[in-house]
C-alpha atoms as a PDB file:
ATOM      1  CA  MET A   1      76.991 121.123 108.106  1.00  0.00           C
ATOM      2  CA  PHE A   2      76.748 124.078 105.493  1.00  0.00           C
ATOM      3  CA  ASN A   3      77.434 126.985 107.541  1.00  0.00           C
ATOM      4  CA  LEU A   4      73.574 127.908 107.982  1.00  0.00           C
ATOM      5  CA  GLY A   5      72.148 129.922 110.836  1.00  0.00           C
ATOM      6  CA  MET A   6      68.695 129.212 112.235  1.00  0.00           C
ATOM      7  CA  GLY A   7      67.345 131.999 110.415  1.00  0.00           C
ATOM      8  CA  GLU A   8      68.404 130.792 107.156  1.00  0.00           C
ATOM      9  CA  ILE A   9      67.147 127.289 107.671  1.00  0.00           C
ATOM     10  CA  MET A  10      63.984 128.572 108.888  1.00  0.00           C
ATOM     11  CA  ILE A  11      63.587 130.724 105.286  1.00  0.00           C
ATOM     12  CA  ILE A  12      64.525 127.487 103.509  1.00  0.00           C
ATOM     13  CA  LEU A  13      61.796 125.136 104.925  1.00  0.00           C
ATOM     14  CA  VAL A  14      59.281 127.971 104.752  1.00  0.00           C
ATOM     15  CA  ILE A  15      59.984 128.255 101.006  1.00  0.00           C
ATOM     16  CA  ALA A  16      60.117 124.644 100.567  1.00  0.00           C
ATOM     17  CA  LEU A  17      56.678 124.246 102.606  1.00  0.00           C
ATOM     18  CA  ILE A  18      55.141 126.983  99.950  1.00  0.00           C
ATOM     19  CA  PHE A  19      56.643 125.016  96.743  1.00  0.00           C
ATOM     20  CA  LEU A  20      55.839 121.489  97.717  1.00  0.00           C
ATOM     21  CA  GLY A  21      52.755 121.615 100.069  1.00  0.00           C
ATOM     22  CA  PRO A  22      52.150 120.593 103.486  1.00  0.00           C
ATOM     23  CA  SER A  23      51.133 116.544 101.816  1.00  0.00           C
ATOM     24  CA  ARG A  24      54.731 116.306  99.863  1.00  0.00           C
ATOM     25  CA  LEU A  25      57.150 117.607 102.182  1.00  0.00           C
ATOM     26  CA  PRO A  26      57.420 114.293 104.678  1.00  0.00           C
ATOM     27  CA  ASP A  27      57.947 112.355 101.038  1.00  0.00           C
ATOM     28  CA  VAL A  28      60.465 114.995 100.078  1.00  0.00           C
ATOM     29  CA  ALA A  29      62.326 114.601 103.469  1.00  0.00           C
ATOM     30  CA  THR A  30      62.200 111.275 103.673  1.00  0.00           C
ATOM     31  CA  THR A  31      63.722 110.716 100.189  1.00  0.00           C
ATOM     32  CA  LEU A  32      66.359 113.048 100.792  1.00  0.00           C
ATOM     33  CA  GLY A  33      67.027 111.026 103.993  1.00  0.00           C
ATOM     34  CA  LYS A  34      67.321 107.773 101.861  1.00  0.00           C
ATOM     35  CA  ALA A  35      69.452 109.699  99.194  1.00  0.00           C
ATOM     36  CA  ILE A  36      71.913 111.323 102.389  1.00  0.00           C
ATOM     37  CA  ARG A  37      72.166 107.614 103.723  1.00  0.00           C
ATOM     38  CA  GLN A  38      72.987 106.332 100.431  1.00  0.00           C
ATOM     39  CA  PHE A  39      75.542 108.943  99.764  1.00  0.00           C
ATOM     40  CA  ARG A  40      77.237 108.115 103.118  1.00  0.00           C
ATOM     41  CA  ARG A  41      77.647 104.241 102.327  1.00  0.00           C
ATOM     42  CA  ALA A  42      78.752 104.682  98.939  1.00  0.00           C
ATOM     43  CA  THR A  43      81.612 106.914 100.269  1.00  0.00           C
ATOM     44  CA  ASN A  44      82.402 104.759 103.178  1.00  0.00           C
ATOM     45  CA  ASP A  45      82.458 101.904 100.707  1.00  0.00           C
ATOM     46  CA  LEU A  46      84.906 103.716  98.531  1.00  0.00           C
ATOM     47  CA  SER A  47      87.035 104.973 101.369  1.00  0.00           C
ATOM     48  CA  ASP A  48      87.760 101.395 102.335  1.00  0.00           C
ATOM     49  CA  GLN A  49      88.234 100.411  98.721  1.00  0.00           C
ATOM     50  CA  LEU A  50      91.046 102.720  98.873  1.00  0.00           C
ATOM     51  CA  HIS A  51      92.660 101.399 101.823  1.00  0.00           C
ATOM     52  CA  ILE A  52      92.415  97.663 100.432  1.00  0.00           C
ATOM     53  CA  ASP A  53      93.876  99.158  97.190  1.00  0.00           C
ATOM     54  CA  ASP A  54      96.673 100.746  99.478  1.00  0.00           C
ATOM     55  CA  GLU A  55      97.354  97.436 101.346  1.00  0.00           C
ATOM     56  CA  ILE A  56      97.537  95.512  97.950  1.00  0.00           C
ATOM     57  CA  ARG A  57      99.510  98.330  95.780  1.00  0.00           C
ATOM     58  CA  ARG A  58     102.724  98.347  98.488  1.00  0.00           C
ATOM     59  CA  PRO A  59     103.689  94.879  98.052  1.00  0.00           C
ATOM     60  CA  MET A  60     103.186  95.045  94.220  1.00  0.00           C
ATOM     61  CA  GLN A  61     105.665  97.885  94.541  1.00  0.00           C
ATOM     62  CA  GLU A  62     108.031  96.100  96.372  1.00  0.00           C
ATOM     63  CA  LEU A  63     107.877  93.415  94.132  1.00  0.00           C
ATOM     64  CA  LYS A  64     108.410  95.709  90.891  1.00  0.00           C
ATOM     65  CA  ALA A  65     111.675  97.261  92.784  1.00  0.00           C
ATOM     66  CA  ALA A  66     112.973  93.937  93.584  1.00  0.00           C
ATOM     67  CA  LEU A  67     112.550  92.668  90.062  1.00  0.00           C
ATOM     68  CA  ARG A  68     114.359  95.617  89.122  1.00  0.00           C
ATOM     69  CA  ASP A  69     116.779  95.524  91.330  1.00  0.00           C
ATOM     70  CA  GLU A  70     116.146  98.947  92.944  1.00  0.00           C
ATOM     71  CA  PRO A  71     115.674  99.619  96.880  1.00  0.00           C
ATOM     72  CA  ALA A  72     111.966  99.566  97.651  1.00  0.00           C
ATOM     73  CA  PRO A  73     110.045 102.025  98.417  1.00  0.00           C
ATOM     74  CA  TYR A  74     108.675 101.110 101.860  1.00  0.00           C
ATOM     75  CA  GLN A  75     111.825  99.449 102.795  1.00  0.00           C
ATOM     76  CA  LYS A  76     112.530  98.985 106.756  1.00  0.00           C
ATOM     77  CA  VAL A  77     115.891  99.504 108.374  1.00  0.00           C
ATOM     78  CA  ALA A  78     116.750  96.726 111.078  1.00  0.00           C
ATOM     79  CA  PRO A  79     117.334  97.780 114.289  1.00  0.00           C
ATOM     80  CA  PRO A  80     121.091  98.527 115.343  1.00  0.00           C
ATOM     81  CA  GLU A  81     120.449  95.725 118.072  1.00  0.00           C
ATOM     82  CA  ALA A  82     119.893  93.156 115.192  1.00  0.00           C
ATOM     83  CA  ALA A  83     123.562  93.940 113.843  1.00  0.00           C
ATOM     84  CA  LYS A  84     125.192  93.580 117.159  1.00  0.00           C
ATOM     85  CA  SER A  85     123.630  90.198 117.998  1.00  0.00           C
ATOM     86  CA  VAL A  86     125.488  88.797 114.752  1.00  0.00           C
ATOM     87  CA  SER A  87     128.964  87.204 116.187  1.00  0.00           C
ATOM     88  CA  PRO A  88     132.288  86.924 114.115  1.00  0.00           C
ATOM     89  CA  ALA A  89     133.727  83.758 113.463  1.00  0.00           C
ATOM     90  CA  PRO A  90     135.958  82.161 116.277  1.00  0.00           C
ATOM     91  CA  ALA A  91     139.599  82.598 115.400  1.00  0.00           C
ATOM     92  CA  PRO A  92     141.083  79.227 114.372  1.00  0.00           C
ATOM     93  CA  ALA A  93     143.118  77.798 117.897  1.00  0.00           C
ATOM     94  CA  ALA A  94     146.553  78.326 117.866  1.00  0.00           C
ATOM     95  CA  GLU A  95     148.663  74.475 118.011  1.00  0.00           C
ATOM     96  CA  PRO A  96     149.832  73.954 121.330  1.00  0.00           C
ATOM     97  CA  LYS A  97     154.077  73.856 121.231  1.00  0.00           C
ATOM     98  CA  SER A  98     155.978  70.492 121.654  1.00  0.00           C
ATOM     99  CA  PRO A  99     158.629  70.042 124.375  1.00  0.00           C
ATOM    100  CA  ALA A 100     161.983  70.160 123.287  1.00  0.00           C
END
């Protein structure tokens, strides 16, 4: 996680045990675990909110571009098959010649 080896983690735990004592060490570990859990939850909430904001921002940009008569920034191009499916208007029928 922090690129710490086993020896470095053991040194940190021994120093924490010396400074905090055996009675306070479990309480500090519990508090630290809760703080990390809350931080992860807040980070997930923030990333979800940014995703929602992006979904709202795109239609607003398209609307602003349409009002300014500019091309939309996320405009999708129609596939070529759609252009082929439109048939031209039929030509007017020729009048039959009358027998003379």
